[in-house]
Amino acid sequence: MDKSTATNIRKELISKLKEKHCFWSYDVDSITDVPDGMLVELVMIYLDLDEINLLFQLFPKKEVKRMWLENVVAQGERYHVLNRAFAWYYFGIKRPDRYVKAMETRQFKKRINQ
């Protein structure tokens, strides 16, 4: 993917997140870009499948999975049902419930040991 296409996808995703008021504690006009991990987290939590699919155009699947694990799965029970769906639908995990629970525990331990 060329750089201008990637830039356009990022801008579109940030615009959709602004429409959903995901940056409620910031001056929305000052937001022009967000870190990759935060973008993946917010898109997966607040936007729809069409926008989530754009993440896979913007980043390699392996990177999306890593950022999902670090930023969404790490939040634990709050998004457990959503994470099970992502594990099954996007990452082809055969036992999504068990996988998500194991990854929640791993992320929790990783953060404690830092």
PDB file of N, CA and C in Angstrom:
ATOM      1  N   MET A   1       0.847  -1.171   0.000  1.00  0.00           N
ATOM      2  CA  MET A   1       0.000   0.000   0.000  1.00  0.00           C
ATOM      3  C   MET A   1       0.893   1.235   0.000  1.00  0.00           C
ATOM      4  N   ASP A   2       0.514   2.198  -0.811  1.00  0.00           N
ATOM      5  CA  ASP A   2       1.329   3.417  -0.847  1.00  0.00           C
ATOM      6  C   ASP A   2       1.011   4.313   0.353  1.00  0.00           C
ATOM      7  N   LYS A   3       1.902   5.248   0.562  1.00  0.00           N
ATOM      8  CA  LYS A   3       1.825   6.102   1.756  1.00  0.00           C
ATOM      9  C   LYS A   3       0.556   6.962   1.781  1.00  0.00           C
ATOM     10  N   SER A   4       0.135   7.467   0.623  1.00  0.00           N
ATOM     11  CA  SER A   4      -1.044   8.335   0.592  1.00  0.00           C
ATOM     12  C   SER A   4      -2.323   7.550   0.919  1.00  0.00           C
ATOM     13  N   THR A   5      -2.398   6.298   0.480  1.00  0.00           N
ATOM     14  CA  THR A   5      -3.559   5.467   0.808  1.00  0.00           C
ATOM     15  C   THR A   5      -3.608   5.197   2.306  1.00  0.00           C
ATOM     16  N   ALA A   6      -2.452   4.876   2.880  1.00  0.00           N
ATOM     17  CA  ALA A   6      -2.382   4.638   4.327  1.00  0.00           C
ATOM     18  C   ALA A   6      -2.781   5.890   5.095  1.00  0.00           C
ATOM     19  N   THR A   7      -2.313   7.038   4.648  1.00  0.00           N
ATOM     20  CA  THR A   7      -2.658   8.306   5.299  1.00  0.00           C
ATOM     21  C   THR A   7      -4.154   8.557   5.217  1.00  0.00           C
ATOM     22  N   ASN A   8      -4.743   8.287   4.067  1.00  0.00           N
ATOM     23  CA  ASN A   8      -6.190   8.484   3.901  1.00  0.00           C
ATOM     24  C   ASN A   8      -6.999   7.550   4.803  1.00  0.00           C
ATOM     25  N   ILE A   9      -6.559   6.314   4.936  1.00  0.00           N
ATOM     26  CA  ILE A   9      -7.262   5.369   5.812  1.00  0.00           C
ATOM     27  C   ILE A   9      -7.178   5.845   7.255  1.00  0.00           C
ATOM     28  N   ARG A  10      -5.983   6.271   7.695  1.00  0.00           N
ATOM     29  CA  ARG A  10      -5.823   6.784   9.066  1.00  0.00           C
ATOM     30  C   ARG A  10      -6.744   7.977   9.304  1.00  0.00           C
ATOM     31  N   LYS A  11      -6.764   8.905   8.354  1.00  0.00           N
ATOM     32  CA  LYS A  11      -7.608  10.095   8.493  1.00  0.00           C
ATOM     33  C   LYS A  11      -9.081   9.704   8.576  1.00  0.00           C
ATOM     34  N   GLU A  12      -9.497   8.753   7.746  1.00  0.00           N
ATOM     35  CA  GLU A  12     -10.890   8.305   7.763  1.00  0.00           C
ATOM     36  C   GLU A  12     -11.239   7.679   9.112  1.00  0.00           C
ATOM     37  N   LEU A  13     -10.368   6.830   9.631  1.00  0.00           N
ATOM     38  CA  LEU A  13     -10.628   6.181  10.915  1.00  0.00           C
ATOM     39  C   LEU A  13     -10.674   7.194  12.051  1.00  0.00           C
ATOM     40  N   ILE A  14      -9.753   8.138  12.046  1.00  0.00           N
ATOM     41  CA  ILE A  14      -9.740   9.173  13.092  1.00  0.00           C
ATOM     42  C   ILE A  14     -10.996  10.021  12.994  1.00  0.00           C
ATOM     43  N   SER A  15     -11.413  10.336  11.792  1.00  0.00           N
ATOM     44  CA  SER A  15     -12.641  11.106  11.599  1.00  0.00           C
ATOM     45  C   SER A  15     -13.856  10.365  12.154  1.00  0.00           C
ATOM     46  N   LYS A  16     -13.943   9.060  11.883  1.00  0.00           N
ATOM     47  CA  LYS A  16     -15.062   8.260  12.402  1.00  0.00           C
ATOM     48  C   LYS A  16     -15.023   8.194  13.927  1.00  0.00           C
ATOM     49  N   LEU A  17     -13.824   8.089  14.501  1.00  0.00           N
ATOM     50  CA  LEU A  17     -13.699   8.079  15.955  1.00  0.00           C
ATOM     51  C   LEU A  17     -14.131   9.418  16.548  1.00  0.00           C
ATOM     52  N   LYS A  18     -13.819  10.503  15.876  1.00  0.00           N
ATOM     53  CA  LYS A  18     -14.263  11.825  16.332  1.00  0.00           C
ATOM     54  C   LYS A  18     -15.785  11.920  16.296  1.00  0.00           C
ATOM     55  N   GLU A  19     -16.397  11.376  15.236  1.00  0.00           N
ATOM     56  CA  GLU A  19     -17.862  11.379  15.133  1.00  0.00           C
ATOM     57  C   GLU A  19     -18.509  10.616  16.281  1.00  0.00           C
ATOM     58  N   LYS A  20     -17.848   9.576  16.751  1.00  0.00           N
ATOM     59  CA  LYS A  20     -18.365   8.757  17.857  1.00  0.00           C
ATOM     60  C   LYS A  20     -17.989   9.338  19.225  1.00  0.00           C
ATOM     61  N   HIS A  21     -17.344  10.503  19.215  1.00  0.00           N
ATOM     62  CA  HIS A  21     -16.942  11.212  20.448  1.00  0.00           C
ATOM     63  C   HIS A  21     -16.001  10.380  21.315  1.00  0.00           C
ATOM     64  N   CYS A  22     -15.085   9.668  20.666  1.00  0.00           N
ATOM     65  CA  CYS A  22     -14.132   8.832  21.390  1.00  0.00           C
ATOM     66  C   CYS A  22     -13.018   9.649  22.038  1.00  0.00           C
ATOM     67  N   PHE A  23     -12.880  10.878  21.635  1.00  0.00           N
ATOM     68  CA  PHE A  23     -11.852  11.751  22.197  1.00  0.00           C
ATOM     69  C   PHE A  23     -12.506  12.827  23.050  1.00  0.00           C
ATOM     70  N   TRP A  24     -13.449  12.424  23.866  1.00  0.00           N
ATOM     71  CA  TRP A  24     -14.275  13.349  24.627  1.00  0.00           C
ATOM     72  C   TRP A  24     -13.468  14.239  25.574  1.00  0.00           C
ATOM     73  N   SER A  25     -12.309  13.792  26.005  1.00  0.00           N
ATOM     74  CA  SER A  25     -11.542  14.599  26.970  1.00  0.00           C
ATOM     75  C   SER A  25     -10.500  15.490  26.296  1.00  0.00           C
ATOM     76  N   TYR A  26     -10.507  15.536  24.974  1.00  0.00           N
ATOM     77  CA  TYR A  26      -9.535  16.335  24.228  1.00  0.00           C
ATOM     78  C   TYR A  26     -10.244  17.386  23.395  1.00  0.00           C
ATOM     79  N   ASP A  27      -9.496  18.388  23.027  1.00  0.00           N
ATOM     80  CA  ASP A  27      -9.980  19.341  22.040  1.00  0.00           C
ATOM     81  C   ASP A  27      -9.926  18.611  20.695  1.00  0.00           C
ATOM     82  N   VAL A  28     -11.077  18.257  20.164  1.00  0.00           N
ATOM     83  CA  VAL A  28     -11.160  17.415  18.970  1.00  0.00           C
ATOM     84  C   VAL A  28     -10.410  18.014  17.788  1.00  0.00           C
ATOM     85  N   ASP A  29     -10.419  19.326  17.668  1.00  0.00           N
ATOM     86  CA  ASP A  29      -9.739  19.967  16.548  1.00  0.00           C
ATOM     87  C   ASP A  29      -8.224  19.798  16.612  1.00  0.00           C
ATOM     88  N   SER A  30      -7.698  19.548  17.804  1.00  0.00           N
ATOM     89  CA  SER A  30      -6.248  19.407  17.951  1.00  0.00           C
ATOM     90  C   SER A  30      -5.763  17.997  17.599  1.00  0.00           C
ATOM     91  N   ILE A  31      -6.672  17.059  17.436  1.00  0.00           N
ATOM     92  CA  ILE A  31      -6.280  15.679  17.148  1.00  0.00           C
ATOM     93  C   ILE A  31      -6.126  15.499  15.646  1.00  0.00           C
ATOM     94  N   THR A  32      -4.890  15.240  15.236  1.00  0.00           N
ATOM     95  CA  THR A  32      -4.624  14.990  13.823  1.00  0.00           C
ATOM     96  C   THR A  32      -4.110  13.579  13.586  1.00  0.00           C
ATOM     97  N   ASP A  33      -3.530  12.976  14.620  1.00  0.00           N
ATOM     98  CA  ASP A  33      -3.028  11.611  14.519  1.00  0.00           C
ATOM     99  C   ASP A  33      -3.020  10.989  15.911  1.00  0.00           C
ATOM    100  N   VAL A  34      -3.036   9.679  15.961  1.00  0.00           N
ATOM    101  CA  VAL A  34      -2.960   8.952  17.232  1.00  0.00           C
ATOM    102  C   VAL A  34      -1.970   7.805  17.053  1.00  0.00           C
ATOM    103  N   PRO A  35      -1.367   7.335  18.142  1.00  0.00           N
ATOM    104  CA  PRO A  35      -0.448   6.202  18.038  1.00  0.00           C
ATOM    105  C   PRO A  35      -1.158   4.956  17.497  1.00  0.00           C
ATOM    106  N   ASP A  36      -0.402   4.094  16.851  1.00  0.00           N
ATOM    107  CA  ASP A  36      -0.971   2.899  16.219  1.00  0.00           C
ATOM    108  C   ASP A  36      -1.776   2.047  17.194  1.00  0.00           C
ATOM    109  N   GLY A  37      -1.210   1.774  18.361  1.00  0.00           N
ATOM    110  CA  GLY A  37      -1.899   0.932  19.340  1.00  0.00           C
ATOM    111  C   GLY A  37      -3.222   1.517  19.780  1.00  0.00           C
ATOM    112  N   MET A  38      -3.247   2.817  19.986  1.00  0.00           N
ATOM    113  CA  MET A  38      -4.481   3.489  20.390  1.00  0.00           C
ATOM    114  C   MET A  38      -5.498   3.464  19.255  1.00  0.00           C
ATOM    115  N   LEU A  39      -5.032   3.634  18.027  1.00  0.00           N
ATOM    116  CA  LEU A  39      -5.936   3.593  16.878  1.00  0.00           C
ATOM    117  C   LEU A  39      -6.609   2.223  16.781  1.00  0.00           C
ATOM    118  N   VAL A  40      -5.822   1.162  16.888  1.00  0.00           N
ATOM    119  CA  VAL A  40      -6.386  -0.184  16.820  1.00  0.00           C
ATOM    120  C   VAL A  40      -7.373  -0.398  17.961  1.00  0.00           C
ATOM    121  N   GLU A  41      -6.991  -0.003  19.168  1.00  0.00           N
ATOM    122  CA  GLU A  41      -7.870  -0.167  20.330  1.00  0.00           C
ATOM    123  C   GLU A  41      -9.206   0.536  20.125  1.00  0.00           C
ATOM    124  N   LEU A  42      -9.170   1.794  19.785  1.00  0.00           N
ATOM    125  CA  LEU A  42     -10.405   2.571  19.655  1.00  0.00           C
ATOM    126  C   LEU A  42     -11.273   2.086  18.502  1.00  0.00           C
ATOM    127  N   VAL A  43     -10.649   1.755  17.386  1.00  0.00           N
ATOM    128  CA  VAL A  43     -11.423   1.265  16.242  1.00  0.00           C
ATOM    129  C   VAL A  43     -12.104  -0.061  16.594  1.00  0.00           C
ATOM    130  N   MET A  44     -11.366  -0.967  17.238  1.00  0.00           N
ATOM    131  CA  MET A  44     -11.949  -2.270  17.557  1.00  0.00           C
ATOM    132  C   MET A  44     -13.061  -2.170  18.605  1.00  0.00           C
ATOM    133  N   ILE A  45     -12.952  -1.224  19.491  1.00  0.00           N
ATOM    134  CA  ILE A  45     -13.959  -1.093  20.542  1.00  0.00           C
ATOM    135  C   ILE A  45     -15.179  -0.297  20.072  1.00  0.00           C
ATOM    136  N   TYR A  46     -14.970   0.775  19.330  1.00  0.00           N
ATOM    137  CA  TYR A  46     -16.063   1.711  19.066  1.00  0.00           C
ATOM    138  C   TYR A  46     -16.624   1.717  17.647  1.00  0.00           C
ATOM    139  N   LEU A  47     -15.898   1.181  16.687  1.00  0.00           N
ATOM    140  CA  LEU A  47     -16.380   1.274  15.310  1.00  0.00           C
ATOM    141  C   LEU A  47     -16.895  -0.071  14.803  1.00  0.00           C
ATOM    142  N   ASP A  48     -17.413  -0.065  13.595  1.00  0.00           N
ATOM    143  CA  ASP A  48     -18.057  -1.239  13.018  1.00  0.00           C
ATOM    144  C   ASP A  48     -17.089  -2.074  12.180  1.00  0.00           C
ATOM    145  N   LEU A  49     -17.593  -3.184  11.677  1.00  0.00           N
ATOM    146  CA  LEU A  49     -16.759  -4.129  10.933  1.00  0.00           C
ATOM    147  C   LEU A  49     -16.064  -3.503   9.726  1.00  0.00           C
ATOM    148  N   ASP A  50     -16.755  -2.620   9.013  1.00  0.00           N
ATOM    149  CA  ASP A  50     -16.135  -1.995   7.841  1.00  0.00           C
ATOM    150  C   ASP A  50     -14.871  -1.237   8.223  1.00  0.00           C
ATOM    151  N   GLU A  51     -14.928  -0.509   9.332  1.00  0.00           N
ATOM    152  CA  GLU A  51     -13.760   0.243   9.777  1.00  0.00           C
ATOM    153  C   GLU A  51     -12.687  -0.681  10.358  1.00  0.00           C
ATOM    154  N   ILE A  52     -13.112  -1.721  11.069  1.00  0.00           N
ATOM    155  CA  ILE A  52     -12.143  -2.683  11.605  1.00  0.00           C
ATOM    156  C   ILE A  52     -11.393  -3.349  10.455  1.00  0.00           C
ATOM    157  N   ASN A  53     -12.105  -3.658   9.392  1.00  0.00           N
ATOM    158  CA  ASN A  53     -11.461  -4.259   8.217  1.00  0.00           C
ATOM    159  C   ASN A  53     -10.388  -3.342   7.626  1.00  0.00           C
ATOM    160  N   LEU A  54     -10.579  -2.039   7.748  1.00  0.00           N
ATOM    161  CA  LEU A  54      -9.572  -1.097   7.247  1.00  0.00           C
ATOM    162  C   LEU A  54      -8.254  -1.220   8.010  1.00  0.00           C
ATOM    163  N   LEU A  55      -8.330  -1.621   9.271  1.00  0.00           N
ATOM    164  CA  LEU A  55      -7.095  -1.814  10.040  1.00  0.00           C
ATOM    165  C   LEU A  55      -6.183  -2.832   9.372  1.00  0.00           C
ATOM    166  N   PHE A  56      -6.795  -3.855   8.755  1.00  0.00           N
ATOM    167  CA  PHE A  56      -6.016  -4.908   8.118  1.00  0.00           C
ATOM    168  C   PHE A  56      -5.442  -4.463   6.777  1.00  0.00           C
ATOM    169  N   GLN A  57      -5.925  -3.347   6.263  1.00  0.00           N
ATOM    170  CA  GLN A  57      -5.297  -2.741   5.092  1.00  0.00           C
ATOM    171  C   GLN A  57      -4.146  -1.836   5.529  1.00  0.00           C
ATOM    172  N   LEU A  58      -4.309  -1.264   6.695  1.00  0.00           N
ATOM    173  CA  LEU A  58      -3.323  -0.321   7.209  1.00  0.00           C
ATOM    174  C   LEU A  58      -2.112  -1.021   7.824  1.00  0.00           C
ATOM    175  N   PHE A  59      -2.347  -2.135   8.511  1.00  0.00           N
ATOM    176  CA  PHE A  59      -1.283  -2.865   9.209  1.00  0.00           C
ATOM    177  C   PHE A  59      -1.322  -4.339   8.814  1.00  0.00           C
ATOM    178  N   PRO A  60      -0.187  -5.030   8.910  1.00  0.00           N
ATOM    179  CA  PRO A  60      -0.207  -6.488   8.703  1.00  0.00           C
ATOM    180  C   PRO A  60      -1.042  -7.160   9.797  1.00  0.00           C
ATOM    181  N   LYS A  61      -1.643  -8.294   9.470  1.00  0.00           N
ATOM    182  CA  LYS A  61      -2.501  -9.011  10.413  1.00  0.00           C
ATOM    183  C   LYS A  61      -1.774  -9.294  11.723  1.00  0.00           C
ATOM    184  N   LYS A  62      -0.519  -9.660  11.645  1.00  0.00           N
ATOM    185  CA  LYS A  62       0.270  -9.965  12.837  1.00  0.00           C
ATOM    186  C   LYS A  62       0.379  -8.743  13.759  1.00  0.00           C
ATOM    187  N   GLU A  63       0.532  -7.568  13.177  1.00  0.00           N
ATOM    188  CA  GLU A  63       0.614  -6.329  13.964  1.00  0.00           C
ATOM    189  C   GLU A  63      -0.732  -5.974  14.587  1.00  0.00           C
ATOM    190  N   VAL A  64      -1.805  -6.149  13.832  1.00  0.00           N
ATOM    191  CA  VAL A  64      -3.138  -5.880  14.379  1.00  0.00           C
ATOM    192  C   VAL A  64      -3.385  -6.801  15.569  1.00  0.00           C
ATOM    193  N   LYS A  65      -3.027  -8.060  15.415  1.00  0.00           N
ATOM    194  CA  LYS A  65      -3.232  -9.022  16.498  1.00  0.00           C
ATOM    195  C   LYS A  65      -2.417  -8.625  17.729  1.00  0.00           C
ATOM    196  N   ARG A  66      -1.160  -8.240  17.534  1.00  0.00           N
ATOM    197  CA  ARG A  66      -0.313  -7.837  18.659  1.00  0.00           C
ATOM    198  C   ARG A  66      -0.908  -6.636  19.387  1.00  0.00           C
ATOM    199  N   MET A  67      -1.331  -5.624  18.627  1.00  0.00           N
ATOM    200  CA  MET A  67      -1.899  -4.417  19.234  1.00  0.00           C
ATOM    201  C   MET A  67      -3.240  -4.718  19.902  1.00  0.00           C
ATOM    202  N   TRP A  68      -4.025  -5.611  19.308  1.00  0.00           N
ATOM    203  CA  TRP A  68      -5.290  -6.036  19.920  1.00  0.00           C
ATOM    204  C   TRP A  68      -5.026  -6.700  21.267  1.00  0.00           C
ATOM    205  N   LEU A  69      -4.065  -7.609  21.297  1.00  0.00           N
ATOM    206  CA  LEU A  69      -3.736  -8.294  22.548  1.00  0.00           C
ATOM    207  C   LEU A  69      -3.262  -7.306  23.617  1.00  0.00           C
ATOM    208  N   GLU A  70      -2.384  -6.391  23.237  1.00  0.00           N
ATOM    209  CA  GLU A  70      -1.803  -5.445  24.186  1.00  0.00           C
ATOM    210  C   GLU A  70      -2.780  -4.379  24.657  1.00  0.00           C
ATOM    211  N   ASN A  71      -3.702  -3.983  23.799  1.00  0.00           N
ATOM    212  CA  ASN A  71      -4.534  -2.829  24.113  1.00  0.00           C
ATOM    213  C   ASN A  71      -6.001  -3.125  24.395  1.00  0.00           C
ATOM    214  N   VAL A  72      -6.531  -4.186  23.842  1.00  0.00           N
ATOM    215  CA  VAL A  72      -7.947  -4.489  24.058  1.00  0.00           C
ATOM    216  C   VAL A  72      -8.097  -5.704  24.984  1.00  0.00           C
ATOM    217  N   VAL A  73      -7.436  -6.790  24.644  1.00  0.00           N
ATOM    218  CA  VAL A  73      -7.527  -7.990  25.479  1.00  0.00           C
ATOM    219  C   VAL A  73      -7.017  -7.694  26.884  1.00  0.00           C
ATOM    220  N   ALA A  74      -6.009  -6.863  26.982  1.00  0.00           N
ATOM    221  CA  ALA A  74      -5.421  -6.529  28.284  1.00  0.00           C
ATOM    222  C   ALA A  74      -6.416  -5.860  29.229  1.00  0.00           C
ATOM    223  N   GLN A  75      -7.513  -5.346  28.705  1.00  0.00           N
ATOM    224  CA  GLN A  75      -8.510  -4.696  29.555  1.00  0.00           C
ATOM    225  C   GLN A  75      -9.404  -5.701  30.277  1.00  0.00           C
ATOM    226  N   GLY A  76      -9.220  -6.975  29.995  1.00  0.00           N
ATOM    227  CA  GLY A  76      -9.873  -8.030  30.763  1.00  0.00           C
ATOM    228  C   GLY A  76     -11.347  -8.225  30.480  1.00  0.00           C
ATOM    229  N   GLU A  77     -12.074  -8.513  31.525  1.00  0.00           N
ATOM    230  CA  GLU A  77     -13.490  -8.889  31.445  1.00  0.00           C
ATOM    231  C   GLU A  77     -14.363  -7.856  30.744  1.00  0.00           C
ATOM    232  N   ARG A  78     -13.979  -6.625  30.824  1.00  0.00           N
ATOM    233  CA  ARG A  78     -14.799  -5.559  30.247  1.00  0.00           C
ATOM    234  C   ARG A  78     -15.178  -5.830  28.792  1.00  0.00           C
ATOM    235  N   TYR A  79     -14.244  -6.337  28.012  1.00  0.00           N
ATOM    236  CA  TYR A  79     -14.484  -6.595  26.594  1.00  0.00           C
ATOM    237  C   TYR A  79     -14.344  -8.080  26.246  1.00  0.00           C
ATOM    238  N   HIS A  80     -14.573  -8.942  27.217  1.00  0.00           N
ATOM    239  CA  HIS A  80     -14.359 -10.368  27.003  1.00  0.00           C
ATOM    240  C   HIS A  80     -15.193 -10.919  25.840  1.00  0.00           C
ATOM    241  N   VAL A  81     -16.456 -10.591  25.782  1.00  0.00           N
ATOM    242  CA  VAL A  81     -17.328 -11.107  24.712  1.00  0.00           C
ATOM    243  C   VAL A  81     -16.875 -10.568  23.359  1.00  0.00           C
ATOM    244  N   LEU A  82     -16.556  -9.308  23.298  1.00  0.00           N
ATOM    245  CA  LEU A  82     -16.060  -8.694  22.062  1.00  0.00           C
ATOM    246  C   LEU A  82     -14.751  -9.362  21.629  1.00  0.00           C
ATOM    247  N   ASN A  83     -13.862  -9.579  22.583  1.00  0.00           N
ATOM    248  CA  ASN A  83     -12.577 -10.204  22.265  1.00  0.00           C
ATOM    249  C   ASN A  83     -12.736 -11.634  21.772  1.00  0.00           C
ATOM    250  N   ARG A  84     -13.687 -12.363  22.322  1.00  0.00           N
ATOM    251  CA  ARG A  84     -13.957 -13.716  21.824  1.00  0.00           C
ATOM    252  C   ARG A  84     -14.370 -13.668  20.359  1.00  0.00           C
ATOM    253  N   ALA A  85     -15.216 -12.712  20.028  1.00  0.00           N
ATOM    254  CA  ALA A  85     -15.664 -12.575  18.638  1.00  0.00           C
ATOM    255  C   ALA A  85     -14.487 -12.229  17.728  1.00  0.00           C
ATOM    256  N   PHE A  86     -13.626 -11.304  18.153  1.00  0.00           N
ATOM    257  CA  PHE A  86     -12.446 -10.948  17.349  1.00  0.00           C
ATOM    258  C   PHE A  86     -11.521 -12.145  17.176  1.00  0.00           C
ATOM    259  N   ALA A  87     -11.300 -12.893  18.259  1.00  0.00           N
ATOM    260  CA  ALA A  87     -10.408 -14.045  18.199  1.00  0.00           C
ATOM    261  C   ALA A  87     -10.905 -15.055  17.160  1.00  0.00           C
ATOM    262  N   TRP A  88     -12.197 -15.297  17.162  1.00  0.00           N
ATOM    263  CA  TRP A  88     -12.766 -16.259  16.228  1.00  0.00           C
ATOM    264  C   TRP A  88     -12.829 -15.708  14.806  1.00  0.00           C
ATOM    265  N   TYR A  89     -13.401 -14.515  14.652  1.00  0.00           N
ATOM    266  CA  TYR A  89     -13.680 -13.972  13.322  1.00  0.00           C
ATOM    267  C   TYR A  89     -12.430 -13.495  12.593  1.00  0.00           C
ATOM    268  N   TYR A  90     -11.591 -12.726  13.261  1.00  0.00           N
ATOM    269  CA  TYR A  90     -10.439 -12.123  12.587  1.00  0.00           C
ATOM    270  C   TYR A  90      -9.166 -12.957  12.657  1.00  0.00           C
ATOM    271  N   PHE A  91      -9.013 -13.734  13.720  1.00  0.00           N
ATOM    272  CA  PHE A  91      -7.732 -14.417  13.909  1.00  0.00           C
ATOM    273  C   PHE A  91      -7.839 -15.934  13.845  1.00  0.00           C
ATOM    274  N   GLY A  92      -9.037 -16.462  13.580  1.00  0.00           N
ATOM    275  CA  GLY A  92      -9.220 -17.884  13.356  1.00  0.00           C
ATOM    276  C   GLY A  92      -8.869 -18.768  14.538  1.00  0.00           C
ATOM    277  N   ILE A  93      -9.048 -18.263  15.733  1.00  0.00           N
ATOM    278  CA  ILE A  93      -8.755 -19.031  16.937  1.00  0.00           C
ATOM    279  C   ILE A  93      -9.857 -20.082  17.126  1.00  0.00           C
ATOM    280  N   LYS A  94      -9.468 -21.337  17.285  1.00  0.00           N
ATOM    281  CA  LYS A  94     -10.452 -22.425  17.374  1.00  0.00           C
ATOM    282  C   LYS A  94     -11.213 -22.453  18.697  1.00  0.00           C
ATOM    283  N   ARG A  95     -10.573 -22.115  19.780  1.00  0.00           N
ATOM    284  CA  ARG A  95     -11.232 -22.051  21.095  1.00  0.00           C
ATOM    285  C   ARG A  95     -11.089 -20.632  21.633  1.00  0.00           C
ATOM    286  N   PRO A  96     -11.884 -19.705  21.110  1.00  0.00           N
ATOM    287  CA  PRO A  96     -11.698 -18.291  21.442  1.00  0.00           C
ATOM    288  C   PRO A  96     -11.864 -17.960  22.920  1.00  0.00           C
ATOM    289  N   ASP A  97     -12.786 -18.615  23.604  1.00  0.00           N
ATOM    290  CA  ASP A  97     -12.998 -18.297  25.011  1.00  0.00           C
ATOM    291  C   ASP A  97     -11.745 -18.624  25.827  1.00  0.00           C
ATOM    292  N   ARG A  98     -11.221 -19.802  25.621  1.00  0.00           N
ATOM    293  CA  ARG A  98     -10.015 -20.236  26.332  1.00  0.00           C
ATOM    294  C   ARG A  98      -8.817 -19.352  25.958  1.00  0.00           C
ATOM    295  N   TYR A  99      -8.692 -19.056  24.672  1.00  0.00           N
ATOM    296  CA  TYR A  99      -7.581 -18.234  24.188  1.00  0.00           C
ATOM    297  C   TYR A  99      -7.615 -16.838  24.810  1.00  0.00           C
ATOM    298  N   VAL A 100      -8.776 -16.204  24.763  1.00  0.00           N
ATOM    299  CA  VAL A 100      -8.895 -14.841  25.292  1.00  0.00           C
ATOM    300  C   VAL A 100      -8.594 -14.823  26.790  1.00  0.00           C
ATOM    301  N   LYS A 101      -9.102 -15.779  27.518  1.00  0.00           N
ATOM    302  CA  LYS A 101      -8.836 -15.836  28.956  1.00  0.00           C
ATOM    303  C   LYS A 101      -7.342 -16.003  29.223  1.00  0.00           C
ATOM    304  N   ALA A 102      -6.688 -16.860  28.472  1.00  0.00           N
ATOM    305  CA  ALA A 102      -5.240 -17.068  28.633  1.00  0.00           C
ATOM    306  C   ALA A 102      -4.460 -15.799  28.291  1.00  0.00           C
ATOM    307  N   MET A 103      -4.876 -15.111  27.242  1.00  0.00           N
ATOM    308  CA  MET A 103      -4.175 -13.888  26.840  1.00  0.00           C
ATOM    309  C   MET A 103      -4.425 -12.749  27.840  1.00  0.00           C
ATOM    310  N   GLU A 104      -5.623 -12.694  28.412  1.00  0.00           N
ATOM    311  CA  GLU A 104      -5.897 -11.706  29.461  1.00  0.00           C
ATOM    312  C   GLU A 104      -4.933 -11.916  30.626  1.00  0.00           C
ATOM    313  N   THR A 105      -4.791 -13.168  31.033  1.00  0.00           N
ATOM    314  CA  THR A 105      -3.893 -13.503  32.146  1.00  0.00           C
ATOM    315  C   THR A 105      -2.452 -13.161  31.796  1.00  0.00           C
ATOM    316  N   ARG A 106      -2.028 -13.497  30.583  1.00  0.00           N
ATOM    317  CA  ARG A 106      -0.658 -13.207  30.149  1.00  0.00           C
ATOM    318  C   ARG A 106      -0.387 -11.705  30.152  1.00  0.00           C
ATOM    319  N   GLN A 107      -1.319 -10.927  29.623  1.00  0.00           N
ATOM    320  CA  GLN A 107      -1.130  -9.473  29.585  1.00  0.00           C
ATOM    321  C   GLN A 107      -1.106  -8.895  30.993  1.00  0.00           C
ATOM    322  N   PHE A 108      -1.949  -9.428  31.867  1.00  0.00           N
ATOM    323  CA  PHE A 108      -1.971  -8.967  33.256  1.00  0.00           C
ATOM    324  C   PHE A 108      -0.630  -9.232  33.935  1.00  0.00           C
ATOM    325  N   LYS A 109      -0.110 -10.448  33.779  1.00  0.00           N
ATOM    326  CA  LYS A 109       1.174 -10.792  34.379  1.00  0.00           C
ATOM    327  C   LYS A 109       2.303  -9.965  33.788  1.00  0.00           C
ATOM    328  N   LYS A 110       2.244  -9.724  32.485  1.00  0.00           N
ATOM    329  CA  LYS A 110       3.276  -8.920  31.819  1.00  0.00           C
ATOM    330  C   LYS A 110       3.318  -7.506  32.399  1.00  0.00           C
ATOM    331  N   ARG A 111       2.145  -6.940  32.641  1.00  0.00           N
ATOM    332  CA  ARG A 111       2.076  -5.582  33.195  1.00  0.00           C
ATOM    333  C   ARG A 111       2.518  -5.518  34.657  1.00  0.00           C
ATOM    334  N   ILE A 112       2.234  -6.554  35.402  1.00  0.00           N
ATOM    335  CA  ILE A 112       2.647  -6.591  36.819  1.00  0.00           C
ATOM    336  C   ILE A 112       4.161  -6.699  36.936  1.00  0.00           C
ATOM    337  N   ASN A 113       4.768  -7.472  36.045  1.00  0.00           N
ATOM    338  CA  ASN A 113       6.207  -7.728  36.107  1.00  0.00           C
ATOM    339  C   ASN A 113       7.055  -6.624  35.484  1.00  0.00           C
ATOM    340  N   GLN A 114       6.460  -5.589  34.983  1.00  0.00           N
ATOM    341  CA  GLN A 114       7.232  -4.504  34.357  1.00  0.00           C
ATOM    342  C   GLN A 114       7.903  -3.649  35.389  1.00  0.00           C
TER     343      GLN A 114
END
